[in-house]
């Protein structure tokens, strides 16, 4: 902890809640390892959430002989089961190439379509600026690419009526997302108390059986991680984000939890 944070004292738990929010993740299970407990907390309080998976995780195996199509089907089924536990309204799979997602106009249009269709107040996605994690390790290329693609779709594309005019003509007018929550950041500035919904995160993660090499270690690992992210706000468990406020309007903001 830096001297400035130590002097300032403990952080305050984040209380703003979007009425509608969209989680944009690279792979099945990213949302569960990411903001699932926050999503569950908001949904329990009355928010409506939707999950978008840009890939179906067809490269997520150590077996070189595994059939990618079969694996994709398994991972989509796992994600649907996990999403039902969290409470999302539904899940969309964009079927981008696992391990080779490109932040191009084709993906941006798909994401703008999702944003304009669902019309969220907030989007939660990967922090695209994290190349190396502060505690060690390299951030997956798909995580970085999807995070940047999501940001580009939010601003300026989704709110610009001249971007992808075919979507406007199809009945999907421009929409302004007010906030972006970046998960897995190296420099978090926003913490949500997820003590009440942390068990749902664990239950949702267990749905991703194909990805759990050591399922017996999952709970201990996640409780340690959750406790670390809850510590700045004095919570048993927390989620940490880097928050980007694009449009602040206190008068029509949803009530705090």
C-alpha atoms as a PDB file:
ATOM      1  CA  UNK A   1       0.000   0.000   0.000  1.00  0.00           C
ATOM      2  CA  UNK A   2       1.371   3.422  -0.950  1.00  0.00           C
ATOM      3  CA  UNK A   3       1.831   6.248   1.545  1.00  0.00           C
ATOM      4  CA  UNK A   4      -0.974   8.308  -0.015  1.00  0.00           C
ATOM      5  CA  UNK A   5      -3.521   5.504   0.410  1.00  0.00           C
ATOM      6  CA  UNK A   6      -2.324   4.810   3.926  1.00  0.00           C
ATOM      7  CA  UNK A   7      -2.741   8.467   4.835  1.00  0.00           C
ATOM      8  CA  UNK A   8      -6.179   8.641   3.238  1.00  0.00           C
ATOM      9  CA  UNK A   9      -7.453   5.740   5.299  1.00  0.00           C
ATOM     10  CA  UNK A  10      -9.594   2.819   4.148  1.00  0.00           C
ATOM     11  CA  UNK A  11     -11.529   3.031   0.901  1.00  0.00           C
ATOM     12  CA  UNK A  12     -15.315   3.310   0.885  1.00  0.00           C
ATOM     13  CA  UNK A  13     -17.393   0.469  -0.528  1.00  0.00           C
ATOM     14  CA  UNK A  14     -18.877   1.342  -3.912  1.00  0.00           C
ATOM     15  CA  UNK A  15     -22.626   1.877  -3.707  1.00  0.00           C
ATOM     16  CA  UNK A  16     -23.770   2.983  -7.172  1.00  0.00           C
ATOM     17  CA  UNK A  17     -25.843   0.372  -8.956  1.00  0.00           C
ATOM     18  CA  UNK A  18     -26.802   0.292 -12.644  1.00  0.00           C
ATOM     19  CA  UNK A  19     -30.375  -0.551 -13.543  1.00  0.00           C
ATOM     20  CA  UNK A  20     -29.045  -2.527 -16.516  1.00  0.00           C
ATOM     21  CA  UNK A  21     -25.526  -3.810 -17.055  1.00  0.00           C
ATOM     22  CA  UNK A  22     -23.681  -5.809 -19.691  1.00  0.00           C
ATOM     23  CA  UNK A  23     -20.686  -8.022 -18.935  1.00  0.00           C
ATOM     24  CA  UNK A  24     -18.411  -8.493 -21.962  1.00  0.00           C
ATOM     25  CA  UNK A  25     -15.893 -11.310 -21.490  1.00  0.00           C
ATOM     26  CA  UNK A  26     -13.421 -13.073 -23.743  1.00  0.00           C
ATOM     27  CA  UNK A  27     -14.088 -16.694 -22.738  1.00  0.00           C
ATOM     28  CA  UNK A  28     -16.559 -18.839 -20.851  1.00  0.00           C
ATOM     29  CA  UNK A  29     -15.543 -18.712 -17.146  1.00  0.00           C
ATOM     30  CA  UNK A  30     -13.943 -15.231 -17.380  1.00  0.00           C
ATOM     31  CA  UNK A  31     -17.076 -13.631 -15.942  1.00  0.00           C
ATOM     32  CA  UNK A  32     -17.084 -16.083 -13.030  1.00  0.00           C
ATOM     33  CA  UNK A  33     -13.418 -15.549 -12.238  1.00  0.00           C
ATOM     34  CA  UNK A  34     -14.171 -11.841 -12.736  1.00  0.00           C
ATOM     35  CA  UNK A  35     -17.228  -9.843 -11.627  1.00  0.00           C
ATOM     36  CA  UNK A  36     -19.764 -12.625 -10.972  1.00  0.00           C
ATOM     37  CA  UNK A  37     -20.276 -11.775  -7.296  1.00  0.00           C
ATOM     38  CA  UNK A  38     -20.858  -8.100  -8.130  1.00  0.00           C
ATOM     39  CA  UNK A  39     -23.267  -9.105 -10.901  1.00  0.00           C
ATOM     40  CA  UNK A  40     -25.167 -11.335  -8.479  1.00  0.00           C
ATOM     41  CA  UNK A  41     -25.306  -8.553  -5.872  1.00  0.00           C
ATOM     42  CA  UNK A  42     -26.704  -6.071  -8.352  1.00  0.00           C
ATOM     43  CA  UNK A  43     -29.200  -8.579  -9.757  1.00  0.00           C
ATOM     44  CA  UNK A  44     -30.417  -9.425  -6.257  1.00  0.00           C
ATOM     45  CA  UNK A  45     -31.012  -5.705  -5.702  1.00  0.00           C
ATOM     46  CA  UNK A  46     -33.129  -5.383  -8.853  1.00  0.00           C
ATOM     47  CA  UNK A  47     -30.691  -4.804 -11.719  1.00  0.00           C
ATOM     48  CA  UNK A  48     -30.943  -6.685 -15.009  1.00  0.00           C
ATOM     49  CA  UNK A  49     -27.710  -8.187 -16.307  1.00  0.00           C
ATOM     50  CA  UNK A  50     -26.652  -9.800 -19.563  1.00  0.00           C
ATOM     51  CA  UNK A  51     -23.457 -11.675 -20.402  1.00  0.00           C
ATOM     52  CA  UNK A  52     -21.629 -11.605 -23.732  1.00  0.00           C
ATOM     53  CA  UNK A  53     -18.867 -14.168 -24.380  1.00  0.00           C
ATOM     54  CA  UNK A  54     -16.797 -13.223 -27.405  1.00  0.00           C
ATOM     55  CA  UNK A  55     -15.424 -16.756 -27.866  1.00  0.00           C
ATOM     56  CA  UNK A  56     -16.688 -20.189 -26.926  1.00  0.00           C
ATOM     57  CA  UNK A  57     -13.343 -21.277 -25.490  1.00  0.00           C
ATOM     58  CA  UNK A  58     -12.632 -23.915 -28.124  1.00  0.00           C
ATOM     59  CA  UNK A  59      -8.891 -23.868 -27.368  1.00  0.00           C
ATOM     60  CA  UNK A  60      -9.340 -24.377 -23.639  1.00  0.00           C
ATOM     61  CA  UNK A  61      -7.828 -27.853 -23.347  1.00  0.00           C
ATOM     62  CA  UNK A  62      -4.428 -29.445 -22.750  1.00  0.00           C
ATOM     63  CA  UNK A  63      -5.385 -32.277 -25.103  1.00  0.00           C
ATOM     64  CA  UNK A  64      -4.153 -31.541 -28.628  1.00  0.00           C
ATOM     65  CA  UNK A  65      -6.520 -34.209 -29.985  1.00  0.00           C
ATOM     66  CA  UNK A  66      -9.627 -32.619 -28.470  1.00  0.00           C
ATOM     67  CA  UNK A  67     -12.298 -31.633 -30.993  1.00  0.00           C
ATOM     68  CA  UNK A  68     -12.661 -27.820 -30.844  1.00  0.00           C
ATOM     69  CA  UNK A  69     -16.337 -27.945 -31.783  1.00  0.00           C
ATOM     70  CA  UNK A  70     -17.109 -30.479 -29.081  1.00  0.00           C
ATOM     71  CA  UNK A  71     -15.154 -28.445 -26.545  1.00  0.00           C
ATOM     72  CA  UNK A  72     -16.967 -25.262 -27.550  1.00  0.00           C
ATOM     73  CA  UNK A  73     -20.309 -26.989 -27.019  1.00  0.00           C
ATOM     74  CA  UNK A  74     -19.221 -28.178 -23.570  1.00  0.00           C
ATOM     75  CA  UNK A  75     -17.969 -24.766 -22.557  1.00  0.00           C
ATOM     76  CA  UNK A  76     -21.083 -22.976 -23.768  1.00  0.00           C
ATOM     77  CA  UNK A  77     -23.212 -25.391 -21.738  1.00  0.00           C
ATOM     78  CA  UNK A  78     -21.021 -24.784 -18.693  1.00  0.00           C
ATOM     79  CA  UNK A  79     -21.342 -21.032 -19.155  1.00  0.00           C
ATOM     80  CA  UNK A  80     -25.114 -21.190 -19.457  1.00  0.00           C
ATOM     81  CA  UNK A  81     -25.311 -23.179 -16.218  1.00  0.00           C
ATOM     82  CA  UNK A  82     -23.030 -20.718 -14.438  1.00  0.00           C
ATOM     83  CA  UNK A  83     -24.956 -17.722 -15.768  1.00  0.00           C
ATOM     84  CA  UNK A  84     -28.207 -19.165 -14.442  1.00  0.00           C
ATOM     85  CA  UNK A  85     -26.677 -19.324 -10.958  1.00  0.00           C
ATOM     86  CA  UNK A  86     -25.514 -15.712 -11.141  1.00  0.00           C
ATOM     87  CA  UNK A  87     -28.908 -14.624 -12.446  1.00  0.00           C
ATOM     88  CA  UNK A  88     -28.190 -13.076 -15.844  1.00  0.00           C
ATOM     89  CA  UNK A  89     -31.177 -12.494 -18.093  1.00  0.00           C
ATOM     90  CA  UNK A  90     -29.390 -14.367 -20.889  1.00  0.00           C
ATOM     91  CA  UNK A  91     -26.041 -15.081 -22.537  1.00  0.00           C
ATOM     92  CA  UNK A  92     -24.790 -14.275 -26.034  1.00  0.00           C
ATOM     93  CA  UNK A  93     -21.889 -16.081 -27.716  1.00  0.00           C
ATOM     94  CA  UNK A  94     -20.195 -14.157 -30.544  1.00  0.00           C
ATOM     95  CA  UNK A  95     -18.112 -17.141 -31.760  1.00  0.00           C
ATOM     96  CA  UNK A  96     -14.880 -15.249 -32.295  1.00  0.00           C
ATOM     97  CA  UNK A  97     -11.711 -17.370 -32.727  1.00  0.00           C
ATOM     98  CA  UNK A  98     -10.383 -18.453 -29.335  1.00  0.00           C
ATOM     99  CA  UNK A  99      -6.803 -17.268 -28.918  1.00  0.00           C
ATOM    100  CA  UNK A 100      -7.012 -15.007 -31.966  1.00  0.00           C
ATOM    101  CA  UNK A 101      -9.669 -12.385 -31.213  1.00  0.00           C
ATOM    102  CA  UNK A 102      -9.100  -9.233 -33.249  1.00  0.00           C
ATOM    103  CA  UNK A 103     -10.290  -5.765 -32.310  1.00  0.00           C
ATOM    104  CA  UNK A 104     -11.634  -5.076 -35.769  1.00  0.00           C
ATOM    105  CA  UNK A 105     -14.733  -3.421 -37.166  1.00  0.00           C
ATOM    106  CA  UNK A 106     -16.563  -6.740 -37.416  1.00  0.00           C
ATOM    107  CA  UNK A 107     -16.255  -7.410 -33.680  1.00  0.00           C
ATOM    108  CA  UNK A 108     -16.984  -3.779 -32.852  1.00  0.00           C
ATOM    109  CA  UNK A 109     -20.228  -3.928 -34.812  1.00  0.00           C
ATOM    110  CA  UNK A 110     -21.246  -7.108 -32.983  1.00  0.00           C
ATOM    111  CA  UNK A 111     -20.576  -5.453 -29.633  1.00  0.00           C
ATOM    112  CA  UNK A 112     -22.349  -2.246 -30.629  1.00  0.00           C
ATOM    113  CA  UNK A 113     -25.348  -4.360 -31.631  1.00  0.00           C
ATOM    114  CA  UNK A 114     -25.331  -5.967 -28.171  1.00  0.00           C
ATOM    115  CA  UNK A 115     -25.045  -2.590 -26.447  1.00  0.00           C
ATOM    116  CA  UNK A 116     -27.739  -0.907 -28.496  1.00  0.00           C
ATOM    117  CA  UNK A 117     -30.062  -3.905 -28.135  1.00  0.00           C
ATOM    118  CA  UNK A 118     -29.704  -4.255 -24.372  1.00  0.00           C
ATOM    119  CA  UNK A 119     -29.127  -0.539 -23.616  1.00  0.00           C
ATOM    120  CA  UNK A 120     -27.106  -0.923 -20.405  1.00  0.00           C
ATOM    121  CA  UNK A 121     -26.161   1.827 -17.985  1.00  0.00           C
ATOM    122  CA  UNK A 122     -22.815   0.133 -17.352  1.00  0.00           C
ATOM    123  CA  UNK A 123     -20.478  -2.277 -19.122  1.00  0.00           C
ATOM    124  CA  UNK A 124     -18.093  -4.553 -17.223  1.00  0.00           C
ATOM    125  CA  UNK A 125     -15.099  -5.875 -19.142  1.00  0.00           C
ATOM    126  CA  UNK A 126     -11.406  -6.775 -18.968  1.00  0.00           C
ATOM    127  CA  UNK A 127      -8.900  -4.020 -18.215  1.00  0.00           C
ATOM    128  CA  UNK A 128      -7.229  -3.721 -21.645  1.00  0.00           C
ATOM    129  CA  UNK A 129      -4.148  -1.957 -20.284  1.00  0.00           C
ATOM    130  CA  UNK A 130      -2.972  -4.913 -18.195  1.00  0.00           C
ATOM    131  CA  UNK A 131      -0.245  -6.738 -20.090  1.00  0.00           C
ATOM    132  CA  UNK A 132       1.563  -8.181 -17.078  1.00  0.00           C
ATOM    133  CA  UNK A 133      -0.268  -8.798 -13.798  1.00  0.00           C
ATOM    134  CA  UNK A 134       1.212  -6.968 -10.814  1.00  0.00           C
ATOM    135  CA  UNK A 135       1.528 -10.227  -8.865  1.00  0.00           C
ATOM    136  CA  UNK A 136       3.122 -12.060 -11.791  1.00  0.00           C
ATOM    137  CA  UNK A 137       1.914 -13.608 -15.020  1.00  0.00           C
ATOM    138  CA  UNK A 138       0.910 -12.463 -18.491  1.00  0.00           C
ATOM    139  CA  UNK A 139      -2.625 -11.343 -19.329  1.00  0.00           C
ATOM    140  CA  UNK A 140      -4.162 -13.443 -22.119  1.00  0.00           C
ATOM    141  CA  UNK A 141      -4.173 -11.713 -25.504  1.00  0.00           C
ATOM    142  CA  UNK A 142      -7.939 -12.296 -25.832  1.00  0.00           C
ATOM    143  CA  UNK A 143      -8.560 -10.574 -22.494  1.00  0.00           C
ATOM    144  CA  UNK A 144      -6.668  -7.468 -23.598  1.00  0.00           C
ATOM    145  CA  UNK A 145      -8.229  -7.452 -27.045  1.00  0.00           C
ATOM    146  CA  UNK A 146     -11.803  -7.945 -25.856  1.00  0.00           C
ATOM    147  CA  UNK A 147     -11.359  -5.264 -23.204  1.00  0.00           C
ATOM    148  CA  UNK A 148     -10.207  -2.752 -25.803  1.00  0.00           C
ATOM    149  CA  UNK A 149     -12.898  -3.804 -28.270  1.00  0.00           C
ATOM    150  CA  UNK A 150     -15.551  -3.347 -25.586  1.00  0.00           C
ATOM    151  CA  UNK A 151     -14.238   0.104 -24.694  1.00  0.00           C
ATOM    152  CA  UNK A 152     -14.169   1.111 -28.360  1.00  0.00           C
ATOM    153  CA  UNK A 153     -17.721  -0.164 -28.799  1.00  0.00           C
ATOM    154  CA  UNK A 154     -18.932   1.779 -25.757  1.00  0.00           C
ATOM    155  CA  UNK A 155     -17.146   4.980 -26.745  1.00  0.00           C
ATOM    156  CA  UNK A 156     -17.651   6.378 -29.212  1.00  0.00           C
ATOM    157  CA  UNK A 157     -19.302   3.811 -31.470  1.00  0.00           C
ATOM    158  CA  UNK A 158     -22.468   2.824 -29.577  1.00  0.00           C
ATOM    159  CA  UNK A 159     -23.389   6.431 -28.859  1.00  0.00           C
ATOM    160  CA  UNK A 160     -22.595   7.736 -32.322  1.00  0.00           C
ATOM    161  CA  UNK A 161     -25.648   7.505 -34.627  1.00  0.00           C
ATOM    162  CA  UNK A 162     -23.358   7.714 -37.658  1.00  0.00           C
ATOM    163  CA  UNK A 163     -21.407   4.623 -36.590  1.00  0.00           C
ATOM    164  CA  UNK A 164     -22.853   1.470 -38.154  1.00  0.00           C
ATOM    165  CA  UNK A 165     -25.901   3.234 -39.623  1.00  0.00           C
ATOM    166  CA  UNK A 166     -27.356  -0.098 -40.717  1.00  0.00           C
ATOM    167  CA  UNK A 167     -27.966  -0.848 -37.045  1.00  0.00           C
ATOM    168  CA  UNK A 168     -29.852   2.426 -36.671  1.00  0.00           C
ATOM    169  CA  UNK A 169     -31.958   1.633 -39.722  1.00  0.00           C
ATOM    170  CA  UNK A 170     -32.662  -1.794 -38.221  1.00  0.00           C
ATOM    171  CA  UNK A 171     -34.214  -0.162 -35.156  1.00  0.00           C
ATOM    172  CA  UNK A 172     -31.134   0.014 -32.890  1.00  0.00           C
ATOM    173  CA  UNK A 173     -30.516   3.715 -32.261  1.00  0.00           C
ATOM    174  CA  UNK A 174     -27.447   5.133 -30.560  1.00  0.00           C
ATOM    175  CA  UNK A 175     -27.105   4.441 -26.841  1.00  0.00           C
ATOM    176  CA  UNK A 176     -24.912   6.066 -24.189  1.00  0.00           C
ATOM    177  CA  UNK A 177     -23.289   3.744 -21.664  1.00  0.00           C
ATOM    178  CA  UNK A 178     -22.586   5.840 -18.582  1.00  0.00           C
ATOM    179  CA  UNK A 179     -19.897   3.792 -16.833  1.00  0.00           C
ATOM    180  CA  UNK A 180     -17.290   1.137 -17.566  1.00  0.00           C
ATOM    181  CA  UNK A 181     -16.070  -1.219 -14.832  1.00  0.00           C
ATOM    182  CA  UNK A 182     -12.729  -2.804 -15.736  1.00  0.00           C
ATOM    183  CA  UNK A 183     -12.063  -6.065 -13.917  1.00  0.00           C
ATOM    184  CA  UNK A 184      -8.697  -7.694 -13.069  1.00  0.00           C
ATOM    185  CA  UNK A 185      -6.984  -4.276 -12.932  1.00  0.00           C
ATOM    186  CA  UNK A 186      -3.455  -3.680 -11.699  1.00  0.00           C
ATOM    187  CA  UNK A 187      -4.547  -0.352 -10.230  1.00  0.00           C
ATOM    188  CA  UNK A 188      -8.079  -0.708  -8.814  1.00  0.00           C
ATOM    189  CA  UNK A 189      -9.877   2.369  -7.541  1.00  0.00           C
ATOM    190  CA  UNK A 190     -13.335   0.912  -6.822  1.00  0.00           C
ATOM    191  CA  UNK A 191     -14.319  -1.953  -4.519  1.00  0.00           C
ATOM    192  CA  UNK A 192     -17.706  -3.660  -4.168  1.00  0.00           C
ATOM    193  CA  UNK A 193     -18.632  -5.579  -1.015  1.00  0.00           C
ATOM    194  CA  UNK A 194     -19.696  -9.014  -2.300  1.00  0.00           C
ATOM    195  CA  UNK A 195     -19.697 -10.898   0.996  1.00  0.00           C
ATOM    196  CA  UNK A 196     -23.364 -11.876   0.605  1.00  0.00           C
ATOM    197  CA  UNK A 197     -23.035 -13.196  -2.955  1.00  0.00           C
ATOM    198  CA  UNK A 198     -19.535 -14.663  -2.831  1.00  0.00           C
ATOM    199  CA  UNK A 199     -20.911 -18.237  -2.405  1.00  0.00           C
ATOM    200  CA  UNK A 200     -22.818 -17.812  -5.703  1.00  0.00           C
ATOM    201  CA  UNK A 201     -19.525 -17.006  -7.416  1.00  0.00           C
ATOM    202  CA  UNK A 202     -18.070 -20.266  -6.120  1.00  0.00           C
ATOM    203  CA  UNK A 203     -21.124 -22.253  -7.228  1.00  0.00           C
ATOM    204  CA  UNK A 204     -20.981 -20.665 -10.682  1.00  0.00           C
ATOM    205  CA  UNK A 205     -17.265 -21.392 -11.029  1.00  0.00           C
ATOM    206  CA  UNK A 206     -17.829 -25.054 -10.231  1.00  0.00           C
ATOM    207  CA  UNK A 207     -19.980 -25.281 -13.366  1.00  0.00           C
ATOM    208  CA  UNK A 208     -16.809 -24.881 -15.465  1.00  0.00           C
ATOM    209  CA  UNK A 209     -15.644 -28.419 -14.728  1.00  0.00           C
ATOM    210  CA  UNK A 210     -13.709 -28.726 -17.994  1.00  0.00           C
ATOM    211  CA  UNK A 211     -11.405 -25.902 -16.901  1.00  0.00           C
ATOM    212  CA  UNK A 212     -10.753 -26.863 -13.282  1.00  0.00           C
ATOM    213  CA  UNK A 213      -7.517 -28.842 -13.139  1.00  0.00           C
ATOM    214  CA  UNK A 214      -7.566 -28.870  -9.333  1.00  0.00           C
ATOM    215  CA  UNK A 215     -11.191 -28.355  -8.267  1.00  0.00           C
ATOM    216  CA  UNK A 216     -10.305 -29.207  -4.681  1.00  0.00           C
ATOM    217  CA  UNK A 217      -8.156 -26.066  -4.531  1.00  0.00           C
ATOM    218  CA  UNK A 218     -10.729 -23.728  -6.093  1.00  0.00           C
ATOM    219  CA  UNK A 219     -12.522 -22.563  -2.961  1.00  0.00           C
ATOM    220  CA  UNK A 220      -9.355 -21.802  -0.995  1.00  0.00           C
ATOM    221  CA  UNK A 221      -7.870 -19.902  -3.942  1.00  0.00           C
ATOM    222  CA  UNK A 222     -10.988 -17.843  -4.534  1.00  0.00           C
ATOM    223  CA  UNK A 223     -11.554 -17.088  -0.841  1.00  0.00           C
ATOM    224  CA  UNK A 224      -7.980 -15.804  -0.561  1.00  0.00           C
ATOM    225  CA  UNK A 225      -8.418 -13.657  -3.660  1.00  0.00           C
ATOM    226  CA  UNK A 226     -11.823 -12.383  -2.547  1.00  0.00           C
ATOM    227  CA  UNK A 227     -10.519 -11.517   0.909  1.00  0.00           C
ATOM    228  CA  UNK A 228      -7.635  -9.567  -0.591  1.00  0.00           C
ATOM    229  CA  UNK A 229     -10.047  -7.543  -2.735  1.00  0.00           C
ATOM    230  CA  UNK A 230     -12.381  -6.967   0.199  1.00  0.00           C
ATOM    231  CA  UNK A 231      -9.643  -5.780   2.567  1.00  0.00           C
ATOM    232  CA  UNK A 232      -9.448  -2.147   1.302  1.00  0.00           C
ATOM    233  CA  UNK A 233     -13.104  -1.596   2.284  1.00  0.00           C
ATOM    234  CA  UNK A 234     -13.091  -3.793   5.378  1.00  0.00           C
ATOM    235  CA  UNK A 235     -15.309  -6.458   3.784  1.00  0.00           C
ATOM    236  CA  UNK A 236     -14.928 -10.199   4.138  1.00  0.00           C
ATOM    237  CA  UNK A 237     -15.004 -10.507   0.348  1.00  0.00           C
ATOM    238  CA  UNK A 238     -14.845  -7.904  -2.390  1.00  0.00           C
ATOM    239  CA  UNK A 239     -14.519  -7.305  -6.120  1.00  0.00           C
ATOM    240  CA  UNK A 240     -11.988  -4.740  -7.320  1.00  0.00           C
ATOM    241  CA  UNK A 241     -12.436  -2.617 -10.443  1.00  0.00           C
ATOM    242  CA  UNK A 242     -10.999   0.336 -12.284  1.00  0.00           C
ATOM    243  CA  UNK A 243     -13.992   2.597 -12.863  1.00  0.00           C
ATOM    244  CA  UNK A 244     -14.400   4.900 -15.838  1.00  0.00           C
ATOM    245  CA  UNK A 245     -17.274   7.376 -15.511  1.00  0.00           C
ATOM    246  CA  UNK A 246     -18.288   8.669 -18.928  1.00  0.00           C
ATOM    247  CA  UNK A 247     -21.561  10.426 -18.058  1.00  0.00           C
ATOM    248  CA  UNK A 248     -22.406  11.394 -14.491  1.00  0.00           C
ATOM    249  CA  UNK A 249     -25.980  12.438 -13.781  1.00  0.00           C
ATOM    250  CA  UNK A 250     -26.913  12.232 -10.117  1.00  0.00           C
ATOM    251  CA  UNK A 251     -30.581  12.988 -10.700  1.00  0.00           C
ATOM    252  CA  UNK A 252     -31.348   9.842 -12.672  1.00  0.00           C
ATOM    253  CA  UNK A 253     -28.723   7.550 -11.142  1.00  0.00           C
ATOM    254  CA  UNK A 254     -30.130   4.341  -9.628  1.00  0.00           C
ATOM    255  CA  UNK A 255     -30.384   4.394  -5.861  1.00  0.00           C
ATOM    256  CA  UNK A 256     -27.364   3.200  -3.967  1.00  0.00           C
ATOM    257  CA  UNK A 257     -27.544  -0.177  -2.291  1.00  0.00           C
END
